N, C-alpha and C. Protein backbone atom coordinates (compact mmCIF):
# COMPACT_ATOMS: atom_id res chain seq x y z
N MET A 1 77.34 124.56 15.04
CA MET A 1 77.89 123.53 15.89
C MET A 1 79.27 123.14 15.39
N THR A 2 80.26 123.13 16.25
CA THR A 2 81.61 122.83 15.82
C THR A 2 82.13 121.61 16.57
N GLY A 3 83.16 120.96 16.00
CA GLY A 3 83.73 119.80 16.64
C GLY A 3 82.90 118.55 16.41
N GLN A 4 83.40 117.43 16.93
CA GLN A 4 82.69 116.17 16.75
C GLN A 4 81.50 116.07 17.69
N VAL A 5 80.40 115.56 17.15
CA VAL A 5 79.21 115.31 17.95
C VAL A 5 79.04 113.81 18.05
N ARG A 6 78.92 113.32 19.26
CA ARG A 6 78.80 111.88 19.47
C ARG A 6 77.42 111.49 19.97
N THR A 7 77.04 110.28 19.64
CA THR A 7 75.79 109.73 20.13
C THR A 7 76.01 109.26 21.56
N VAL A 8 74.94 108.83 22.22
CA VAL A 8 75.02 108.37 23.60
C VAL A 8 75.98 107.20 23.74
N ASP A 9 76.04 106.33 22.72
CA ASP A 9 76.92 105.16 22.80
C ASP A 9 78.33 105.44 22.29
N GLY A 10 78.65 106.71 22.02
CA GLY A 10 80.02 107.08 21.69
C GLY A 10 80.35 107.17 20.21
N ARG A 11 79.41 106.87 19.33
CA ARG A 11 79.68 106.97 17.89
C ARG A 11 79.70 108.42 17.45
N VAL A 12 80.52 108.74 16.45
CA VAL A 12 80.56 110.10 15.90
C VAL A 12 79.40 110.27 14.94
N ALA A 13 78.59 111.30 15.18
CA ALA A 13 77.43 111.56 14.33
C ALA A 13 77.86 112.24 13.03
N GLY A 14 77.27 111.80 11.93
CA GLY A 14 77.54 112.42 10.64
C GLY A 14 76.76 113.71 10.50
N ARG A 15 76.84 114.32 9.34
CA ARG A 15 76.16 115.61 9.12
C ARG A 15 74.66 115.47 9.32
N ARG A 16 74.10 114.39 8.80
CA ARG A 16 72.65 114.20 8.93
C ARG A 16 72.27 114.00 10.40
N GLY A 17 73.09 113.23 11.12
CA GLY A 17 72.83 113.01 12.54
C GLY A 17 72.95 114.29 13.35
N GLN A 18 73.95 115.11 13.00
CA GLN A 18 74.11 116.39 13.69
C GLN A 18 72.92 117.29 13.46
N ALA A 19 72.40 117.27 12.22
CA ALA A 19 71.24 118.10 11.90
C ALA A 19 70.02 117.64 12.69
N THR A 20 69.85 116.31 12.80
CA THR A 20 68.73 115.76 13.57
C THR A 20 68.84 116.13 15.04
N ARG A 21 70.05 116.01 15.57
CA ARG A 21 70.29 116.35 16.97
C ARG A 21 69.98 117.82 17.23
N GLN A 22 70.42 118.71 16.33
CA GLN A 22 70.17 120.13 16.51
C GLN A 22 68.68 120.44 16.40
N LYS A 23 67.99 119.73 15.52
CA LYS A 23 66.55 119.95 15.38
C LYS A 23 65.82 119.56 16.66
N LEU A 24 66.26 118.48 17.27
CA LEU A 24 65.67 118.07 18.55
C LEU A 24 65.88 119.15 19.61
N LEU A 25 67.08 119.71 19.66
CA LEU A 25 67.37 120.77 20.62
C LEU A 25 66.54 122.02 20.33
N ASP A 26 66.41 122.35 19.06
CA ASP A 26 65.62 123.54 18.68
C ASP A 26 64.15 123.36 19.06
N CYS A 27 63.62 122.17 18.83
CA CYS A 27 62.23 121.90 19.16
C CYS A 27 62.02 121.93 20.68
N LEU A 28 62.97 121.37 21.41
CA LEU A 28 62.88 121.39 22.87
C LEU A 28 62.93 122.82 23.38
N SER A 29 63.82 123.63 22.81
CA SER A 29 63.92 125.04 23.21
C SER A 29 62.58 125.75 23.02
N GLU A 30 61.95 125.48 21.89
CA GLU A 30 60.66 126.11 21.60
C GLU A 30 59.60 125.65 22.60
N MET A 31 59.62 124.39 22.95
CA MET A 31 58.63 123.86 23.89
C MET A 31 58.82 124.41 25.29
N LEU A 32 60.07 124.71 25.66
CA LEU A 32 60.33 125.26 26.99
C LEU A 32 59.74 126.66 27.16
N SER A 33 59.45 127.32 26.03
CA SER A 33 58.88 128.66 26.08
C SER A 33 57.44 128.65 26.58
N SER A 34 56.79 127.48 26.47
CA SER A 34 55.37 127.42 26.84
C SER A 34 55.04 126.33 27.85
N SER A 35 56.02 125.50 28.19
CA SER A 35 55.75 124.40 29.12
C SER A 35 56.86 124.27 30.16
N PRO A 36 56.51 123.95 31.40
CA PRO A 36 57.54 123.64 32.40
C PRO A 36 58.37 122.47 31.90
N TYR A 37 59.68 122.53 32.07
CA TYR A 37 60.51 121.51 31.43
C TYR A 37 60.24 120.11 31.98
N ARG A 38 59.78 120.00 33.20
CA ARG A 38 59.49 118.67 33.76
C ARG A 38 58.22 118.07 33.16
N ASP A 39 57.43 118.89 32.48
CA ASP A 39 56.22 118.39 31.82
C ASP A 39 56.49 117.95 30.39
N VAL A 40 57.68 118.28 29.88
CA VAL A 40 58.02 117.94 28.51
C VAL A 40 58.48 116.49 28.45
N LYS A 41 57.88 115.71 27.54
CA LYS A 41 58.20 114.30 27.40
C LYS A 41 59.01 114.06 26.13
N VAL A 42 59.82 113.02 26.16
CA VAL A 42 60.64 112.66 25.01
C VAL A 42 59.79 112.46 23.76
N ILE A 43 58.68 111.79 23.91
CA ILE A 43 57.83 111.52 22.75
C ILE A 43 57.29 112.81 22.13
N ASP A 44 57.04 113.82 22.96
CA ASP A 44 56.54 115.10 22.46
C ASP A 44 57.62 115.84 21.67
N VAL A 45 58.85 115.81 22.18
CA VAL A 45 59.95 116.46 21.49
C VAL A 45 60.21 115.77 20.16
N ALA A 46 60.23 114.44 20.20
CA ALA A 46 60.49 113.66 18.98
C ALA A 46 59.40 113.91 17.94
N ARG A 47 58.17 113.93 18.38
CA ARG A 47 57.06 114.15 17.44
C ARG A 47 57.17 115.53 16.81
N LYS A 48 57.48 116.53 17.61
CA LYS A 48 57.60 117.90 17.09
C LYS A 48 58.75 117.99 16.08
N ALA A 49 59.80 117.21 16.31
CA ALA A 49 60.96 117.23 15.41
C ALA A 49 60.77 116.32 14.20
N GLY A 50 59.65 115.61 14.18
CA GLY A 50 59.38 114.73 13.05
C GLY A 50 60.21 113.46 13.05
N THR A 51 60.56 112.99 14.26
CA THR A 51 61.34 111.77 14.36
C THR A 51 60.78 110.91 15.48
N SER A 52 61.54 109.92 15.93
CA SER A 52 61.03 108.97 16.92
C SER A 52 61.75 109.11 18.26
N PRO A 53 61.13 108.61 19.35
CA PRO A 53 61.82 108.62 20.65
C PRO A 53 63.14 107.86 20.59
N ALA A 54 63.18 106.79 19.81
CA ALA A 54 64.42 106.02 19.69
C ALA A 54 65.55 106.89 19.16
N THR A 55 65.22 107.76 18.20
CA THR A 55 66.23 108.67 17.66
C THR A 55 66.67 109.68 18.72
N PHE A 56 65.71 110.18 19.48
CA PHE A 56 66.06 111.10 20.58
C PHE A 56 67.08 110.46 21.50
N TYR A 57 66.83 109.19 21.88
CA TYR A 57 67.71 108.52 22.83
C TYR A 57 69.08 108.18 22.26
N GLN A 58 69.23 108.31 20.95
CA GLN A 58 70.55 108.15 20.36
C GLN A 58 71.48 109.29 20.77
N TYR A 59 70.89 110.47 21.02
CA TYR A 59 71.70 111.66 21.28
C TYR A 59 71.63 112.16 22.71
N PHE A 60 70.56 111.83 23.43
CA PHE A 60 70.40 112.34 24.80
C PHE A 60 69.86 111.22 25.70
N PRO A 61 70.32 111.17 26.94
CA PRO A 61 69.83 110.14 27.86
C PRO A 61 68.38 110.35 28.28
N ASP A 62 67.98 111.63 28.33
CA ASP A 62 66.62 111.99 28.72
C ASP A 62 66.41 113.46 28.41
N VAL A 63 65.22 113.98 28.75
CA VAL A 63 64.93 115.38 28.48
C VAL A 63 65.86 116.29 29.26
N GLU A 64 66.13 115.95 30.51
CA GLU A 64 67.01 116.79 31.32
C GLU A 64 68.40 116.88 30.72
N GLY A 65 68.89 115.78 30.14
CA GLY A 65 70.19 115.80 29.49
C GLY A 65 70.22 116.76 28.32
N ALA A 66 69.13 116.79 27.56
CA ALA A 66 69.03 117.72 26.43
C ALA A 66 68.91 119.16 26.92
N VAL A 67 68.17 119.35 28.00
CA VAL A 67 68.03 120.68 28.59
C VAL A 67 69.39 121.21 29.04
N LEU A 68 70.18 120.36 29.65
CA LEU A 68 71.51 120.76 30.10
C LEU A 68 72.40 121.11 28.91
N GLU A 69 72.22 120.41 27.80
CA GLU A 69 72.98 120.72 26.59
C GLU A 69 72.64 122.13 26.10
N ILE A 70 71.37 122.46 26.07
CA ILE A 70 70.94 123.80 25.66
C ILE A 70 71.50 124.84 26.62
N ALA A 71 71.43 124.52 27.92
CA ALA A 71 71.93 125.45 28.93
C ALA A 71 73.43 125.69 28.78
N GLU A 72 74.18 124.65 28.47
CA GLU A 72 75.63 124.79 28.29
C GLU A 72 75.93 125.67 27.07
N GLU A 73 75.17 125.48 26.01
CA GLU A 73 75.37 126.30 24.81
C GLU A 73 75.04 127.76 25.11
N THR A 74 74.00 127.99 25.90
CA THR A 74 73.63 129.35 26.28
C THR A 74 74.72 129.98 27.14
N ALA A 75 75.29 129.19 28.06
CA ALA A 75 76.36 129.70 28.91
C ALA A 75 77.58 130.07 28.09
N SER A 76 77.88 129.27 27.06
CA SER A 76 79.01 129.59 26.19
C SER A 76 78.78 130.91 25.47
N GLU A 77 77.54 131.10 25.03
CA GLU A 77 77.18 132.37 24.40
C GLU A 77 77.27 133.51 25.41
N GLY A 78 76.90 133.21 26.66
CA GLY A 78 76.88 134.23 27.70
C GLY A 78 78.25 134.74 28.09
N THR A 79 79.31 133.99 27.78
CA THR A 79 80.65 134.48 28.10
C THR A 79 80.95 135.75 27.32
N GLY A 80 80.23 135.94 26.21
CA GLY A 80 80.42 137.16 25.41
C GLY A 80 79.93 138.41 26.11
N LEU A 81 79.18 138.25 27.21
CA LEU A 81 78.71 139.40 27.97
C LEU A 81 79.87 140.20 28.55
N SER A 82 81.01 139.55 28.69
CA SER A 82 82.18 140.24 29.25
C SER A 82 82.58 141.44 28.39
N GLU A 83 82.26 141.37 27.10
CA GLU A 83 82.61 142.46 26.19
C GLU A 83 81.85 143.74 26.51
N LEU A 84 80.75 143.61 27.27
CA LEU A 84 79.97 144.78 27.66
C LEU A 84 80.65 145.59 28.75
N VAL A 85 81.69 144.99 29.37
CA VAL A 85 82.35 145.65 30.50
C VAL A 85 83.85 145.86 30.25
N GLU A 86 84.48 144.92 29.62
CA GLU A 86 85.93 144.98 29.43
C GLU A 86 86.35 146.19 28.60
N ASP A 87 87.41 146.84 29.04
CA ASP A 87 88.01 147.97 28.31
C ASP A 87 87.02 149.11 28.09
N ARG A 88 86.09 149.29 29.02
CA ARG A 88 85.14 150.40 28.95
C ARG A 88 85.51 151.47 29.95
N SER A 89 85.29 152.71 29.58
CA SER A 89 85.54 153.81 30.50
C SER A 89 84.29 154.07 31.34
N TRP A 90 84.52 154.40 32.63
CA TRP A 90 83.41 154.74 33.52
C TRP A 90 83.53 156.19 34.00
N VAL A 91 84.25 156.99 33.21
CA VAL A 91 84.46 158.38 33.56
C VAL A 91 83.68 159.29 32.61
N GLY A 92 83.01 160.31 33.17
CA GLY A 92 82.29 161.28 32.35
C GLY A 92 81.16 160.68 31.53
N LYS A 93 80.94 161.24 30.36
CA LYS A 93 79.86 160.77 29.49
C LYS A 93 80.07 159.33 29.05
N ALA A 94 81.34 158.94 28.92
CA ALA A 94 81.64 157.56 28.53
C ALA A 94 81.13 156.58 29.58
N GLY A 95 81.15 156.99 30.84
CA GLY A 95 80.68 156.13 31.90
C GLY A 95 79.18 155.87 31.80
N TRP A 96 78.44 156.90 31.44
CA TRP A 96 76.99 156.75 31.27
C TRP A 96 76.70 155.84 30.08
N GLN A 97 77.47 155.97 29.03
CA GLN A 97 77.29 155.10 27.87
C GLN A 97 77.62 153.65 28.23
N SER A 98 78.66 153.45 29.03
CA SER A 98 79.02 152.10 29.46
C SER A 98 77.90 151.46 30.26
N ALA A 99 77.30 152.22 31.16
CA ALA A 99 76.20 151.71 31.98
C ALA A 99 75.00 151.34 31.12
N GLN A 100 74.67 152.19 30.15
CA GLN A 100 73.54 151.93 29.27
C GLN A 100 73.76 150.69 28.41
N GLU A 101 74.96 150.56 27.87
CA GLU A 101 75.25 149.43 27.00
C GLU A 101 75.28 148.11 27.77
N LEU A 102 75.75 148.17 29.01
CA LEU A 102 75.74 146.98 29.85
C LEU A 102 74.31 146.53 30.11
N VAL A 103 73.47 147.46 30.48
CA VAL A 103 72.06 147.14 30.76
C VAL A 103 71.37 146.63 29.50
N ASP A 104 71.55 147.32 28.39
CA ASP A 104 70.91 146.90 27.14
C ASP A 104 71.33 145.49 26.75
N GLY A 105 72.63 145.24 26.77
CA GLY A 105 73.14 143.93 26.37
C GLY A 105 72.72 142.82 27.29
N PHE A 106 72.74 143.09 28.59
CA PHE A 106 72.38 142.08 29.59
C PHE A 106 70.90 141.72 29.47
N LEU A 107 70.04 142.72 29.42
CA LEU A 107 68.61 142.45 29.32
C LEU A 107 68.25 141.78 28.01
N ASP A 108 68.89 142.19 26.94
CA ASP A 108 68.61 141.58 25.64
C ASP A 108 69.01 140.10 25.62
N PHE A 109 70.16 139.79 26.21
CA PHE A 109 70.61 138.39 26.29
C PHE A 109 69.61 137.56 27.08
N TRP A 110 69.15 138.11 28.20
CA TRP A 110 68.21 137.37 29.05
C TRP A 110 66.87 137.17 28.33
N LYS A 111 66.42 138.21 27.65
CA LYS A 111 65.15 138.11 26.94
C LYS A 111 65.22 137.08 25.82
N LYS A 112 66.33 137.07 25.10
CA LYS A 112 66.53 136.13 24.00
C LYS A 112 66.52 134.69 24.50
N ASN A 113 67.09 134.45 25.68
CA ASN A 113 67.24 133.10 26.22
C ASN A 113 66.37 132.85 27.44
N ASP A 114 65.26 133.57 27.50
CA ASP A 114 64.41 133.55 28.69
C ASP A 114 63.98 132.14 29.10
N ALA A 115 63.56 131.32 28.15
CA ALA A 115 63.02 130.00 28.50
C ALA A 115 64.05 129.12 29.18
N ILE A 116 65.24 129.00 28.60
CA ILE A 116 66.25 128.12 29.19
C ILE A 116 66.82 128.73 30.47
N LEU A 117 66.92 130.05 30.54
CA LEU A 117 67.45 130.67 31.75
C LEU A 117 66.50 130.52 32.92
N ARG A 118 65.20 130.45 32.66
CA ARG A 118 64.25 130.17 33.74
C ARG A 118 64.49 128.78 34.31
N VAL A 119 64.79 127.83 33.43
CA VAL A 119 65.08 126.47 33.87
C VAL A 119 66.38 126.44 34.67
N VAL A 120 67.40 127.17 34.18
CA VAL A 120 68.68 127.23 34.88
C VAL A 120 68.50 127.83 36.27
N ASP A 121 67.74 128.92 36.37
CA ASP A 121 67.50 129.57 37.66
C ASP A 121 66.78 128.62 38.62
N LEU A 122 65.79 127.90 38.09
CA LEU A 122 65.04 126.96 38.93
C LEU A 122 65.94 125.85 39.45
N GLY A 123 66.73 125.28 38.54
CA GLY A 123 67.62 124.20 38.94
C GLY A 123 68.65 124.66 39.96
N ALA A 124 69.20 125.86 39.74
CA ALA A 124 70.19 126.41 40.68
C ALA A 124 69.55 126.67 42.04
N ALA A 125 68.34 127.21 42.04
CA ALA A 125 67.63 127.49 43.30
C ALA A 125 67.32 126.22 44.07
N GLU A 126 67.13 125.12 43.34
CA GLU A 126 66.82 123.84 43.98
C GLU A 126 68.08 123.11 44.45
N GLY A 127 69.24 123.72 44.18
CA GLY A 127 70.48 123.13 44.66
C GLY A 127 71.17 122.18 43.70
N ASP A 128 70.71 122.14 42.45
CA ASP A 128 71.36 121.30 41.44
C ASP A 128 72.68 121.96 41.03
N LYS A 129 73.79 121.32 41.36
CA LYS A 129 75.10 121.92 41.12
C LYS A 129 75.39 122.13 39.63
N ARG A 130 74.81 121.28 38.79
CA ARG A 130 75.03 121.43 37.34
C ARG A 130 74.45 122.75 36.84
N PHE A 131 73.23 123.05 37.26
CA PHE A 131 72.60 124.30 36.84
C PHE A 131 73.25 125.50 37.54
N TYR A 132 73.66 125.29 38.78
CA TYR A 132 74.32 126.38 39.51
C TYR A 132 75.61 126.79 38.79
N LYS A 133 76.40 125.82 38.35
CA LYS A 133 77.66 126.12 37.66
C LYS A 133 77.39 126.86 36.35
N ILE A 134 76.35 126.47 35.66
CA ILE A 134 76.00 127.14 34.40
C ILE A 134 75.59 128.58 34.67
N ARG A 135 74.78 128.78 35.70
CA ARG A 135 74.34 130.14 36.04
C ARG A 135 75.52 131.01 36.41
N MET A 136 76.43 130.47 37.21
CA MET A 136 77.59 131.25 37.63
C MET A 136 78.53 131.55 36.46
N LYS A 137 78.62 130.64 35.52
CA LYS A 137 79.46 130.87 34.34
C LYS A 137 78.97 132.10 33.58
N ILE A 138 77.65 132.23 33.47
CA ILE A 138 77.07 133.38 32.77
C ILE A 138 77.30 134.66 33.57
N LEU A 139 76.99 134.63 34.85
CA LEU A 139 77.11 135.83 35.68
C LEU A 139 78.56 136.25 35.87
N ASN A 140 79.46 135.28 35.94
CA ASN A 140 80.88 135.61 36.11
C ASN A 140 81.46 136.35 34.92
N ALA A 141 80.83 136.17 33.76
CA ALA A 141 81.30 136.88 32.57
C ALA A 141 81.19 138.39 32.75
N VAL A 142 80.26 138.82 33.58
CA VAL A 142 80.09 140.24 33.89
C VAL A 142 80.74 140.59 35.22
N ASN A 143 80.58 139.71 36.19
CA ASN A 143 81.07 140.01 37.54
C ASN A 143 82.59 140.24 37.58
N GLY A 144 83.34 139.39 36.88
CA GLY A 144 84.79 139.52 36.89
C GLY A 144 85.29 140.86 36.37
N PRO A 145 84.94 141.21 35.12
CA PRO A 145 85.41 142.49 34.59
C PRO A 145 84.80 143.70 35.29
N LEU A 146 83.59 143.56 35.85
CA LEU A 146 83.00 144.69 36.57
C LEU A 146 83.75 144.92 37.88
N THR A 147 84.16 143.84 38.53
CA THR A 147 84.97 143.97 39.74
C THR A 147 86.28 144.70 39.43
N GLU A 148 86.89 144.34 38.31
CA GLU A 148 88.14 144.98 37.89
C GLU A 148 87.92 146.46 37.59
N ALA A 149 86.77 146.79 37.01
CA ALA A 149 86.48 148.19 36.68
C ALA A 149 86.35 149.02 37.95
N VAL A 150 85.66 148.48 38.96
CA VAL A 150 85.50 149.20 40.23
C VAL A 150 86.86 149.33 40.92
N ALA A 151 87.64 148.27 40.90
CA ALA A 151 88.97 148.30 41.53
C ALA A 151 89.88 149.33 40.85
N ALA A 152 89.76 149.45 39.53
CA ALA A 152 90.58 150.42 38.79
C ALA A 152 90.21 151.84 39.17
N LEU A 153 88.93 152.11 39.32
CA LEU A 153 88.50 153.44 39.75
C LEU A 153 88.97 153.73 41.17
N GLN A 154 88.93 152.71 42.00
CA GLN A 154 89.37 152.86 43.39
C GLN A 154 90.88 153.16 43.45
N ALA A 155 91.64 152.47 42.62
CA ALA A 155 93.09 152.67 42.60
C ALA A 155 93.47 154.09 42.16
N LYS A 156 92.60 154.70 41.37
CA LYS A 156 92.85 156.06 40.89
C LYS A 156 92.26 157.11 41.83
N GLY A 157 91.68 156.65 42.94
CA GLY A 157 91.12 157.57 43.91
C GLY A 157 89.79 158.16 43.52
N ARG A 158 89.12 157.54 42.56
CA ARG A 158 87.84 158.08 42.09
C ARG A 158 86.65 157.62 42.93
N ILE A 159 86.84 156.55 43.68
CA ILE A 159 85.78 156.10 44.60
C ILE A 159 86.40 155.79 45.95
N ASP A 160 85.55 155.70 46.97
CA ASP A 160 86.00 155.52 48.35
C ASP A 160 86.89 154.29 48.51
N LYS A 161 87.97 154.44 49.27
CA LYS A 161 88.91 153.34 49.48
C LYS A 161 88.32 152.20 50.30
N ASP A 162 87.22 152.46 51.02
CA ASP A 162 86.60 151.42 51.84
C ASP A 162 85.63 150.55 51.06
N VAL A 163 85.38 150.90 49.81
CA VAL A 163 84.47 150.11 48.97
C VAL A 163 85.11 148.77 48.64
N ASN A 164 84.34 147.71 48.71
CA ASN A 164 84.82 146.39 48.30
C ASN A 164 84.39 146.15 46.85
N PRO A 165 85.31 146.16 45.90
CA PRO A 165 84.95 146.02 44.48
C PRO A 165 84.13 144.77 44.17
N GLY A 166 84.52 143.65 44.81
CA GLY A 166 83.80 142.41 44.55
C GLY A 166 82.37 142.45 45.06
N ALA A 167 82.18 143.08 46.22
CA ALA A 167 80.83 143.19 46.79
C ALA A 167 79.95 144.09 45.93
N ILE A 168 80.52 145.20 45.45
CA ILE A 168 79.76 146.12 44.60
C ILE A 168 79.39 145.43 43.29
N ALA A 169 80.38 144.82 42.63
CA ALA A 169 80.13 144.17 41.35
C ALA A 169 79.13 143.03 41.50
N GLY A 170 79.32 142.21 42.54
CA GLY A 170 78.41 141.08 42.75
C GLY A 170 76.98 141.53 43.00
N SER A 171 76.83 142.61 43.75
CA SER A 171 75.48 143.13 44.03
C SER A 171 74.82 143.65 42.76
N LEU A 172 75.60 144.34 41.94
CA LEU A 172 75.05 144.88 40.69
C LEU A 172 74.67 143.76 39.72
N VAL A 173 75.51 142.74 39.63
CA VAL A 173 75.21 141.63 38.73
C VAL A 173 73.97 140.87 39.21
N ALA A 174 73.86 140.67 40.53
CA ALA A 174 72.68 140.01 41.07
C ALA A 174 71.43 140.82 40.78
N MET A 175 71.54 142.15 40.89
CA MET A 175 70.42 143.02 40.57
C MET A 175 70.03 142.90 39.10
N LEU A 176 71.04 142.92 38.22
CA LEU A 176 70.77 142.81 36.79
C LEU A 176 70.06 141.50 36.46
N ALA A 177 70.54 140.41 37.07
CA ALA A 177 69.93 139.11 36.81
C ALA A 177 68.49 139.05 37.30
N ALA A 178 68.25 139.62 38.48
CA ALA A 178 66.90 139.61 39.04
C ALA A 178 65.94 140.43 38.18
N VAL A 179 66.39 141.60 37.77
CA VAL A 179 65.55 142.45 36.92
C VAL A 179 65.34 141.79 35.56
N ALA A 180 66.40 141.22 35.00
CA ALA A 180 66.31 140.59 33.68
C ALA A 180 65.30 139.45 33.67
N SER A 181 65.26 138.67 34.74
CA SER A 181 64.34 137.54 34.81
C SER A 181 62.91 137.97 35.12
N HIS A 182 62.75 139.25 35.47
CA HIS A 182 61.42 139.75 35.85
C HIS A 182 60.92 140.82 34.87
N GLN A 183 61.48 140.86 33.67
CA GLN A 183 61.15 141.94 32.74
C GLN A 183 59.66 142.02 32.43
N LYS A 184 59.03 140.88 32.25
CA LYS A 184 57.60 140.89 31.94
C LYS A 184 56.78 141.42 33.11
N GLY A 185 57.27 141.18 34.32
CA GLY A 185 56.53 141.60 35.50
C GLY A 185 56.47 143.11 35.67
N PHE A 186 57.45 143.83 35.10
CA PHE A 186 57.45 145.28 35.26
C PHE A 186 56.25 145.93 34.57
N SER A 187 55.78 145.30 33.51
CA SER A 187 54.61 145.87 32.83
C SER A 187 53.39 145.85 33.73
N ALA A 188 53.31 144.86 34.63
CA ALA A 188 52.20 144.78 35.58
C ALA A 188 52.26 145.91 36.59
N TRP A 189 53.46 146.48 36.75
CA TRP A 189 53.65 147.61 37.66
C TRP A 189 53.56 148.94 36.93
N GLY A 190 53.21 148.86 35.63
CA GLY A 190 53.07 150.08 34.85
C GLY A 190 54.39 150.66 34.37
N VAL A 191 55.45 149.84 34.37
CA VAL A 191 56.77 150.29 33.93
C VAL A 191 57.05 149.74 32.54
N LYS A 192 57.27 150.63 31.58
CA LYS A 192 57.56 150.20 30.23
C LYS A 192 59.05 149.89 30.09
N GLN A 193 59.37 149.03 29.11
CA GLN A 193 60.76 148.66 28.89
C GLN A 193 61.63 149.88 28.61
N ALA A 194 61.07 150.84 27.87
CA ALA A 194 61.82 152.05 27.54
C ALA A 194 62.12 152.88 28.78
N GLU A 195 61.33 152.71 29.84
CA GLU A 195 61.56 153.43 31.09
C GLU A 195 62.46 152.63 32.02
N LEU A 196 62.37 151.31 31.92
CA LEU A 196 63.15 150.45 32.80
C LEU A 196 64.65 150.58 32.56
N LYS A 197 65.05 150.53 31.30
CA LYS A 197 66.48 150.48 30.98
C LYS A 197 67.27 151.70 31.48
N PRO A 198 66.83 152.92 31.22
CA PRO A 198 67.62 154.06 31.70
C PRO A 198 67.68 154.17 33.22
N ASN A 199 66.61 153.76 33.88
CA ASN A 199 66.62 153.81 35.34
C ASN A 199 67.53 152.73 35.93
N LEU A 200 67.56 151.57 35.29
CA LEU A 200 68.46 150.52 35.72
C LEU A 200 69.92 150.92 35.44
N ALA A 201 70.14 151.57 34.30
CA ALA A 201 71.48 152.05 33.97
C ALA A 201 71.95 153.09 34.99
N LEU A 202 71.02 153.90 35.47
CA LEU A 202 71.35 154.89 36.50
C LEU A 202 71.86 154.20 37.77
N LEU A 203 71.18 153.14 38.18
CA LEU A 203 71.60 152.40 39.37
C LEU A 203 72.97 151.76 39.17
N VAL A 204 73.20 151.22 37.98
CA VAL A 204 74.49 150.61 37.68
C VAL A 204 75.60 151.66 37.75
N HIS A 205 75.35 152.81 37.13
CA HIS A 205 76.36 153.88 37.13
C HIS A 205 76.65 154.35 38.54
N LEU A 206 75.61 154.56 39.33
CA LEU A 206 75.80 154.99 40.71
C LEU A 206 76.58 153.94 41.50
N GLY A 207 76.28 152.66 41.24
CA GLY A 207 76.96 151.59 41.95
C GLY A 207 78.43 151.51 41.63
N VAL A 208 78.77 151.68 40.35
CA VAL A 208 80.16 151.57 39.93
C VAL A 208 80.97 152.79 40.32
N THR A 209 80.41 153.97 40.06
CA THR A 209 81.18 155.20 40.23
C THR A 209 80.88 155.97 41.51
N GLY A 210 79.72 155.72 42.11
CA GLY A 210 79.31 156.47 43.28
C GLY A 210 78.82 157.87 42.94
N LYS A 211 78.63 158.13 41.64
CA LYS A 211 78.22 159.47 41.21
C LYS A 211 77.07 159.39 40.21
N LYS A 212 76.34 160.52 40.12
CA LYS A 212 75.33 160.63 39.08
C LYS A 212 76.04 160.71 37.73
N PRO A 213 75.42 160.17 36.68
CA PRO A 213 76.07 160.18 35.38
C PRO A 213 76.12 161.57 34.74
N THR A 214 77.14 161.78 33.93
CA THR A 214 77.25 162.98 33.11
C THR A 214 76.63 162.65 31.76
N ARG A 215 75.57 163.38 31.42
CA ARG A 215 74.84 163.03 30.19
C ARG A 215 75.07 164.06 29.11
């Protein structure tokens, strides 16, 4: 955690206060893995963190406020997803590697942050603009550079001039997000993770380049 951390009433938290605040967030994150966030109560988070509800309210107005804090931190981490696309080649064998690394990194990020991202998806689907902005911040980290990658291939005549780069990139990112949030469900369909990733990478490669990958 960097920078000044303030309490709800505007005071700057010291090192001990920052540690307590982070522990509350860590405990809440853990609880979100097994409970719907609307079922999580302040007293439960405080008890798990070994402190009191009064201490919780020093740092957060309510559980939703703390959930949004976790979501914002996750979104900040998610901006690093852009590195999976920026300055990558989509030509020849390098293109297949780019598709695989994008899929691996995207799914791994989603799996690591599954609990909070489920909350973000729910809030966005319900029309909560705060959660919608957080979701778009994460997806835009991939959508922007992927749009540029498709446009660059188009400018070089490698893909059809009638292709809309933004539409292609947006569709692929939406697909990645949908698959990432449904990873556990694929096992019910008899699809193993080791089988899912290369097939998803194939779809990404086809979407970006319009061609089968060179392996």
